[in-house]
Amino acid sequence: MNTKPNSIKGYLSLIFLFLSITTIIGQVSTGLKVVKKYYDWPKNTRLEEIYTINSIGQKQGTYKWYNIFSVTTSPEHEGVYKNDMLDGPSKRYYTFTTVSLSGIVKESREYKAGKLNGKEIYYDYVYNGE
């Protein structure tokens, strides 16, 4: 009774399965595209928003929106999207004309499948507290 050929076939099958799964995962992850929009197109020096979309154009992952009047590179709104719906933490920041006050959290919310899921918290910029 010789079991070596069956063992080799089993190992080869496992290697083939692993390579197939790795290839599929790679194809799915490379289907994402980063989108950047600018206030001053075509110069593209004042970023308006940046986010990632999947192969059918739905927002996926972190989304950032920048206020045109902000003097900093901090976003005014930041959220997490899944299939084009807010799904995770969402924050709004103060964007003042002075750098020292910009980037302080103004509001925070948690979303699940596009609906508010949890409490909304509003912050006072003077004390940076609820």
N, C-alpha and C. Protein backbone atom coordinates (compact mmCIF):
# COMPACT_ATOMS: atom_id res chain seq x y z
N MET A 1 0.84 -1.18 0.00
CA MET A 1 0.00 0.00 0.00
C MET A 1 0.89 1.25 0.00
N ASN A 2 0.77 2.05 -1.07
CA ASN A 2 1.62 3.23 -1.23
C ASN A 2 0.76 4.49 -1.06
N THR A 3 1.05 5.30 -0.04
CA THR A 3 0.24 6.50 0.22
C THR A 3 0.93 7.78 -0.23
N LYS A 4 2.15 7.68 -0.74
CA LYS A 4 2.87 8.89 -1.14
C LYS A 4 2.18 9.65 -2.27
N PRO A 5 1.74 9.01 -3.35
CA PRO A 5 1.09 9.79 -4.42
C PRO A 5 -0.14 10.54 -3.92
N ASN A 6 -0.93 9.95 -3.06
CA ASN A 6 -2.11 10.63 -2.54
C ASN A 6 -1.72 11.82 -1.66
N SER A 7 -0.64 11.67 -0.89
CA SER A 7 -0.17 12.77 -0.05
C SER A 7 0.30 13.94 -0.90
N ILE A 8 1.02 13.66 -1.95
CA ILE A 8 1.52 14.70 -2.84
C ILE A 8 0.34 15.40 -3.51
N LYS A 9 -0.66 14.63 -3.96
CA LYS A 9 -1.85 15.23 -4.57
C LYS A 9 -2.58 16.12 -3.58
N GLY A 10 -2.64 15.69 -2.33
CA GLY A 10 -3.29 16.48 -1.30
C GLY A 10 -2.58 17.80 -1.05
N TYR A 11 -1.24 17.73 -0.96
CA TYR A 11 -0.46 18.95 -0.77
C TYR A 11 -0.61 19.90 -1.96
N LEU A 12 -0.56 19.34 -3.17
CA LEU A 12 -0.71 20.16 -4.37
C LEU A 12 -2.10 20.80 -4.41
N SER A 13 -3.11 20.06 -4.01
CA SER A 13 -4.47 20.61 -3.97
C SER A 13 -4.56 21.77 -2.98
N LEU A 14 -3.94 21.60 -1.81
CA LEU A 14 -3.95 22.67 -0.81
C LEU A 14 -3.20 23.91 -1.32
N ILE A 15 -2.07 23.71 -1.96
CA ILE A 15 -1.30 24.84 -2.50
C ILE A 15 -2.13 25.54 -3.57
N PHE A 16 -2.77 24.79 -4.46
CA PHE A 16 -3.60 25.39 -5.51
C PHE A 16 -4.75 26.17 -4.89
N LEU A 17 -5.40 25.62 -3.87
CA LEU A 17 -6.51 26.31 -3.20
C LEU A 17 -6.01 27.61 -2.56
N PHE A 18 -4.88 27.57 -1.88
CA PHE A 18 -4.31 28.75 -1.26
C PHE A 18 -4.01 29.83 -2.30
N LEU A 19 -3.39 29.45 -3.40
CA LEU A 19 -3.06 30.41 -4.46
C LEU A 19 -4.33 30.99 -5.08
N SER A 20 -5.36 30.20 -5.25
CA SER A 20 -6.62 30.68 -5.80
C SER A 20 -7.27 31.71 -4.89
N ILE A 21 -7.31 31.42 -3.60
CA ILE A 21 -7.91 32.34 -2.63
C ILE A 21 -7.10 33.63 -2.57
N THR A 22 -5.78 33.53 -2.56
CA THR A 22 -4.93 34.71 -2.52
C THR A 22 -5.16 35.58 -3.75
N THR A 23 -5.30 34.97 -4.90
CA THR A 23 -5.55 35.71 -6.14
C THR A 23 -6.88 36.42 -6.09
N ILE A 24 -7.93 35.75 -5.61
CA ILE A 24 -9.25 36.35 -5.51
C ILE A 24 -9.23 37.54 -4.55
N ILE A 25 -8.59 37.37 -3.39
CA ILE A 25 -8.51 38.46 -2.42
C ILE A 25 -7.76 39.64 -3.02
N GLY A 26 -6.69 39.39 -3.73
CA GLY A 26 -5.93 40.45 -4.37
C GLY A 26 -6.75 41.20 -5.41
N GLN A 27 -7.57 40.47 -6.17
CA GLN A 27 -8.40 41.12 -7.18
C GLN A 27 -9.46 41.99 -6.53
N VAL A 28 -10.04 41.54 -5.44
CA VAL A 28 -11.06 42.33 -4.75
C VAL A 28 -10.45 43.59 -4.17
N SER A 29 -9.29 43.46 -3.51
CA SER A 29 -8.69 44.63 -2.86
C SER A 29 -8.17 45.63 -3.87
N THR A 30 -7.75 45.20 -5.05
CA THR A 30 -7.25 46.15 -6.03
C THR A 30 -8.39 46.79 -6.80
N GLY A 31 -9.63 46.40 -6.55
CA GLY A 31 -10.77 47.03 -7.20
C GLY A 31 -11.12 48.37 -6.58
N LEU A 32 -10.40 48.78 -5.54
CA LEU A 32 -10.66 50.06 -4.89
C LEU A 32 -9.88 51.17 -5.57
N LYS A 33 -10.49 52.35 -5.61
CA LYS A 33 -9.87 53.50 -6.27
C LYS A 33 -10.00 54.72 -5.36
N VAL A 34 -8.90 55.45 -5.20
CA VAL A 34 -8.91 56.67 -4.39
C VAL A 34 -9.41 57.83 -5.25
N VAL A 35 -10.37 58.59 -4.71
CA VAL A 35 -10.93 59.75 -5.41
C VAL A 35 -10.53 61.00 -4.63
N LYS A 36 -9.97 61.97 -5.35
CA LYS A 36 -9.63 63.27 -4.75
C LYS A 36 -10.33 64.35 -5.57
N LYS A 37 -11.04 65.23 -4.87
CA LYS A 37 -11.69 66.36 -5.53
C LYS A 37 -11.09 67.64 -4.97
N TYR A 38 -10.96 68.62 -5.85
CA TYR A 38 -10.31 69.88 -5.48
C TYR A 38 -11.24 71.06 -5.72
N TYR A 39 -11.06 72.11 -4.90
CA TYR A 39 -11.81 73.35 -5.09
C TYR A 39 -11.30 74.11 -6.30
N ASP A 40 -10.03 74.01 -6.58
CA ASP A 40 -9.41 74.83 -7.62
C ASP A 40 -8.94 74.01 -8.83
N TRP A 41 -9.78 73.18 -9.33
CA TRP A 41 -9.42 72.40 -10.50
C TRP A 41 -9.16 73.34 -11.66
N PRO A 42 -8.18 73.23 -12.47
CA PRO A 42 -7.23 72.13 -12.65
C PRO A 42 -5.92 72.28 -11.88
N LYS A 43 -5.73 73.34 -11.10
CA LYS A 43 -4.47 73.51 -10.36
C LYS A 43 -4.30 72.43 -9.28
N ASN A 44 -5.41 72.04 -8.66
CA ASN A 44 -5.41 70.97 -7.66
C ASN A 44 -4.48 71.24 -6.47
N THR A 45 -4.66 72.41 -5.86
CA THR A 45 -3.88 72.74 -4.67
C THR A 45 -4.75 72.83 -3.42
N ARG A 46 -6.07 72.98 -3.56
CA ARG A 46 -6.99 73.11 -2.41
C ARG A 46 -7.91 71.89 -2.38
N LEU A 47 -7.53 70.88 -1.59
CA LEU A 47 -8.28 69.63 -1.50
C LEU A 47 -9.66 69.87 -0.91
N GLU A 48 -10.70 69.31 -1.56
CA GLU A 48 -12.07 69.40 -1.06
C GLU A 48 -12.47 68.12 -0.33
N GLU A 49 -12.25 66.98 -0.98
CA GLU A 49 -12.58 65.71 -0.33
C GLU A 49 -11.70 64.60 -0.89
N ILE A 50 -11.53 63.57 -0.07
CA ILE A 50 -10.78 62.39 -0.47
C ILE A 50 -11.47 61.17 0.11
N TYR A 51 -11.64 60.15 -0.72
CA TYR A 51 -12.30 58.92 -0.29
C TYR A 51 -11.95 57.80 -1.26
N THR A 52 -12.35 56.60 -0.91
CA THR A 52 -12.09 55.42 -1.74
C THR A 52 -13.42 54.87 -2.21
N ILE A 53 -13.47 54.41 -3.46
CA ILE A 53 -14.68 53.78 -4.00
C ILE A 53 -14.36 52.36 -4.47
N ASN A 54 -15.38 51.54 -4.48
CA ASN A 54 -15.21 50.18 -4.99
C ASN A 54 -15.48 50.17 -6.50
N SER A 55 -15.51 49.00 -7.09
CA SER A 55 -15.65 48.89 -8.55
C SER A 55 -16.99 49.38 -9.08
N ILE A 56 -17.99 49.53 -8.21
CA ILE A 56 -19.29 50.04 -8.68
C ILE A 56 -19.56 51.47 -8.18
N GLY A 57 -18.51 52.12 -7.70
CA GLY A 57 -18.61 53.53 -7.34
C GLY A 57 -19.11 53.84 -5.95
N GLN A 58 -19.20 52.85 -5.08
CA GLN A 58 -19.66 53.08 -3.71
C GLN A 58 -18.48 53.46 -2.81
N LYS A 59 -18.71 54.43 -1.92
CA LYS A 59 -17.67 54.82 -0.97
C LYS A 59 -17.38 53.66 -0.04
N GLN A 60 -16.07 53.45 0.20
CA GLN A 60 -15.60 52.40 1.09
C GLN A 60 -14.47 52.96 1.93
N GLY A 61 -14.55 52.82 3.23
CA GLY A 61 -13.45 53.26 4.09
C GLY A 61 -13.57 54.71 4.50
N THR A 62 -12.42 55.31 4.79
CA THR A 62 -12.38 56.67 5.34
C THR A 62 -12.74 57.72 4.30
N TYR A 63 -13.57 58.66 4.71
CA TYR A 63 -13.97 59.80 3.88
C TYR A 63 -13.56 61.07 4.63
N LYS A 64 -12.94 62.02 3.92
CA LYS A 64 -12.57 63.29 4.54
C LYS A 64 -13.02 64.44 3.64
N TRP A 65 -13.63 65.46 4.28
CA TRP A 65 -14.06 66.66 3.59
C TRP A 65 -13.38 67.86 4.23
N TYR A 66 -12.85 68.75 3.39
CA TYR A 66 -12.09 69.91 3.86
C TYR A 66 -12.85 71.19 3.54
N ASN A 67 -12.85 72.13 4.47
CA ASN A 67 -13.48 73.42 4.29
C ASN A 67 -12.54 74.32 3.49
N ILE A 68 -13.08 74.98 2.48
CA ILE A 68 -12.25 75.82 1.62
C ILE A 68 -11.63 77.00 2.37
N PHE A 69 -12.26 77.43 3.46
CA PHE A 69 -11.77 78.59 4.21
C PHE A 69 -10.79 78.24 5.32
N SER A 70 -10.58 76.95 5.56
CA SER A 70 -9.67 76.54 6.62
C SER A 70 -8.23 76.87 6.24
N VAL A 71 -7.46 77.29 7.22
CA VAL A 71 -6.05 77.59 6.98
C VAL A 71 -5.16 76.39 7.30
N THR A 72 -5.76 75.30 7.74
CA THR A 72 -4.98 74.11 8.07
C THR A 72 -5.29 73.00 7.08
N THR A 73 -4.56 71.92 7.21
CA THR A 73 -4.82 70.76 6.37
C THR A 73 -5.71 69.75 7.10
N SER A 74 -6.30 70.15 8.22
CA SER A 74 -7.20 69.28 8.96
C SER A 74 -8.57 69.22 8.28
N PRO A 75 -9.18 68.03 8.22
CA PRO A 75 -10.51 67.96 7.62
C PRO A 75 -11.56 68.58 8.55
N GLU A 76 -12.68 68.99 7.97
CA GLU A 76 -13.80 69.47 8.78
C GLU A 76 -14.73 68.30 9.11
N HIS A 77 -14.80 67.33 8.22
CA HIS A 77 -15.63 66.14 8.47
C HIS A 77 -14.84 64.90 8.09
N GLU A 78 -14.98 63.87 8.93
CA GLU A 78 -14.30 62.61 8.70
C GLU A 78 -15.27 61.49 9.09
N GLY A 79 -15.45 60.52 8.20
CA GLY A 79 -16.35 59.42 8.49
C GLY A 79 -15.86 58.14 7.85
N VAL A 80 -16.50 57.04 8.21
CA VAL A 80 -16.17 55.73 7.64
C VAL A 80 -17.39 55.23 6.88
N TYR A 81 -17.15 54.80 5.65
CA TYR A 81 -18.23 54.33 4.79
C TYR A 81 -18.08 52.85 4.47
N LYS A 82 -19.22 52.21 4.28
CA LYS A 82 -19.26 50.83 3.81
C LYS A 82 -20.43 50.75 2.83
N ASN A 83 -20.15 50.38 1.61
CA ASN A 83 -21.18 50.29 0.56
C ASN A 83 -21.98 51.58 0.43
N ASP A 84 -21.28 52.71 0.44
CA ASP A 84 -21.85 54.04 0.22
C ASP A 84 -22.73 54.55 1.37
N MET A 85 -22.62 53.93 2.55
CA MET A 85 -23.38 54.38 3.72
C MET A 85 -22.42 54.57 4.88
N LEU A 86 -22.69 55.60 5.70
CA LEU A 86 -21.87 55.77 6.90
C LEU A 86 -21.97 54.51 7.74
N ASP A 87 -20.81 54.01 8.19
CA ASP A 87 -20.78 52.77 8.95
C ASP A 87 -19.54 52.81 9.84
N GLY A 88 -19.69 53.41 10.99
CA GLY A 88 -18.57 53.56 11.91
C GLY A 88 -18.55 54.97 12.48
N PRO A 89 -17.40 55.38 13.00
CA PRO A 89 -17.33 56.71 13.61
C PRO A 89 -17.40 57.83 12.57
N SER A 90 -18.03 58.92 12.96
CA SER A 90 -18.12 60.12 12.13
C SER A 90 -17.83 61.31 13.04
N LYS A 91 -16.91 62.17 12.60
CA LYS A 91 -16.54 63.33 13.43
C LYS A 91 -16.53 64.59 12.59
N ARG A 92 -16.92 65.68 13.23
CA ARG A 92 -16.79 67.01 12.63
C ARG A 92 -15.82 67.78 13.53
N TYR A 93 -15.00 68.59 12.88
CA TYR A 93 -13.98 69.34 13.60
C TYR A 93 -14.20 70.83 13.41
N TYR A 94 -13.77 71.60 14.40
CA TYR A 94 -13.75 73.04 14.24
C TYR A 94 -12.65 73.37 13.24
N THR A 95 -12.94 74.28 12.33
CA THR A 95 -11.91 74.76 11.40
C THR A 95 -11.96 76.28 11.44
N PHE A 96 -11.13 76.83 12.26
CA PHE A 96 -11.07 78.27 12.45
C PHE A 96 -10.01 78.88 11.54
N THR A 97 -9.97 80.18 11.54
CA THR A 97 -8.95 80.87 10.76
C THR A 97 -7.63 80.92 11.51
N THR A 98 -7.63 80.49 12.76
CA THR A 98 -6.36 80.40 13.49
C THR A 98 -5.97 78.94 13.64
N VAL A 99 -4.76 78.64 13.35
CA VAL A 99 -4.28 77.26 13.36
C VAL A 99 -4.42 76.61 14.72
N SER A 100 -4.23 77.35 15.80
CA SER A 100 -4.22 76.75 17.13
C SER A 100 -5.58 76.17 17.53
N LEU A 101 -6.67 76.67 16.98
CA LEU A 101 -8.00 76.18 17.36
C LEU A 101 -8.56 75.16 16.37
N SER A 102 -7.98 75.02 15.21
CA SER A 102 -8.48 74.09 14.21
C SER A 102 -8.16 72.65 14.60
N GLY A 103 -9.01 71.73 14.18
CA GLY A 103 -8.79 70.32 14.44
C GLY A 103 -9.36 69.82 15.74
N ILE A 104 -10.01 70.67 16.53
CA ILE A 104 -10.65 70.25 17.78
C ILE A 104 -12.00 69.64 17.42
N VAL A 105 -12.32 68.50 18.03
CA VAL A 105 -13.57 67.80 17.73
C VAL A 105 -14.76 68.67 18.10
N LYS A 106 -15.70 68.78 17.16
CA LYS A 106 -16.92 69.57 17.34
C LYS A 106 -18.11 68.65 17.64
N GLU A 107 -18.22 67.56 16.90
CA GLU A 107 -19.31 66.59 17.07
C GLU A 107 -18.75 65.19 16.78
N SER A 108 -19.30 64.20 17.46
CA SER A 108 -18.95 62.81 17.13
C SER A 108 -20.21 61.97 17.18
N ARG A 109 -20.28 61.05 16.24
CA ARG A 109 -21.43 60.14 16.12
C ARG A 109 -20.94 58.78 15.68
N GLU A 110 -21.74 57.77 15.91
CA GLU A 110 -21.45 56.42 15.46
C GLU A 110 -22.60 55.98 14.57
N TYR A 111 -22.27 55.42 13.41
CA TYR A 111 -23.28 54.96 12.45
C TYR A 111 -23.15 53.48 12.18
N LYS A 112 -24.26 52.87 11.82
CA LYS A 112 -24.29 51.48 11.38
C LYS A 112 -25.24 51.41 10.19
N ALA A 113 -24.72 51.02 9.05
CA ALA A 113 -25.50 50.89 7.80
C ALA A 113 -26.30 52.16 7.49
N GLY A 114 -25.66 53.31 7.67
CA GLY A 114 -26.28 54.58 7.31
C GLY A 114 -27.20 55.19 8.35
N LYS A 115 -27.38 54.51 9.47
CA LYS A 115 -28.27 55.04 10.52
C LYS A 115 -27.48 55.31 11.79
N LEU A 116 -27.90 56.35 12.49
CA LEU A 116 -27.26 56.70 13.75
C LEU A 116 -27.36 55.50 14.70
N ASN A 117 -26.24 55.13 15.30
CA ASN A 117 -26.19 53.96 16.17
C ASN A 117 -25.41 54.32 17.43
N GLY A 118 -26.10 54.89 18.38
CA GLY A 118 -25.43 55.33 19.60
C GLY A 118 -25.70 56.80 19.84
N LYS A 119 -24.89 57.39 20.68
CA LYS A 119 -25.16 58.77 21.04
C LYS A 119 -24.39 59.76 20.16
N GLU A 120 -24.98 60.94 20.06
CA GLU A 120 -24.32 62.07 19.42
C GLU A 120 -23.69 62.88 20.53
N ILE A 121 -22.46 63.30 20.34
CA ILE A 121 -21.78 64.10 21.35
C ILE A 121 -21.33 65.40 20.70
N TYR A 122 -21.68 66.50 21.34
CA TYR A 122 -21.27 67.83 20.87
C TYR A 122 -20.26 68.38 21.87
N TYR A 123 -19.21 68.99 21.35
CA TYR A 123 -18.13 69.47 22.20
C TYR A 123 -18.04 71.00 22.15
N ASP A 124 -17.64 71.58 23.26
CA ASP A 124 -17.40 73.02 23.36
C ASP A 124 -15.91 73.23 23.09
N TYR A 125 -15.58 74.05 22.12
CA TYR A 125 -14.17 74.22 21.75
C TYR A 125 -13.32 74.89 22.81
N VAL A 126 -13.94 75.64 23.71
CA VAL A 126 -13.16 76.30 24.76
C VAL A 126 -12.59 75.27 25.74
N TYR A 127 -13.44 74.32 26.14
CA TYR A 127 -13.00 73.32 27.11
C TYR A 127 -12.73 71.97 26.46
N ASN A 128 -13.09 71.83 25.19
CA ASN A 128 -12.98 70.58 24.47
C ASN A 128 -13.64 69.44 25.26
N GLY A 129 -14.80 69.74 25.82
CA GLY A 129 -15.56 68.75 26.58
C GLY A 129 -17.00 68.72 26.11
N GLU A 130 -17.75 67.74 26.58
CA GLU A 130 -19.14 67.57 26.17
C GLU A 130 -19.99 68.73 26.64
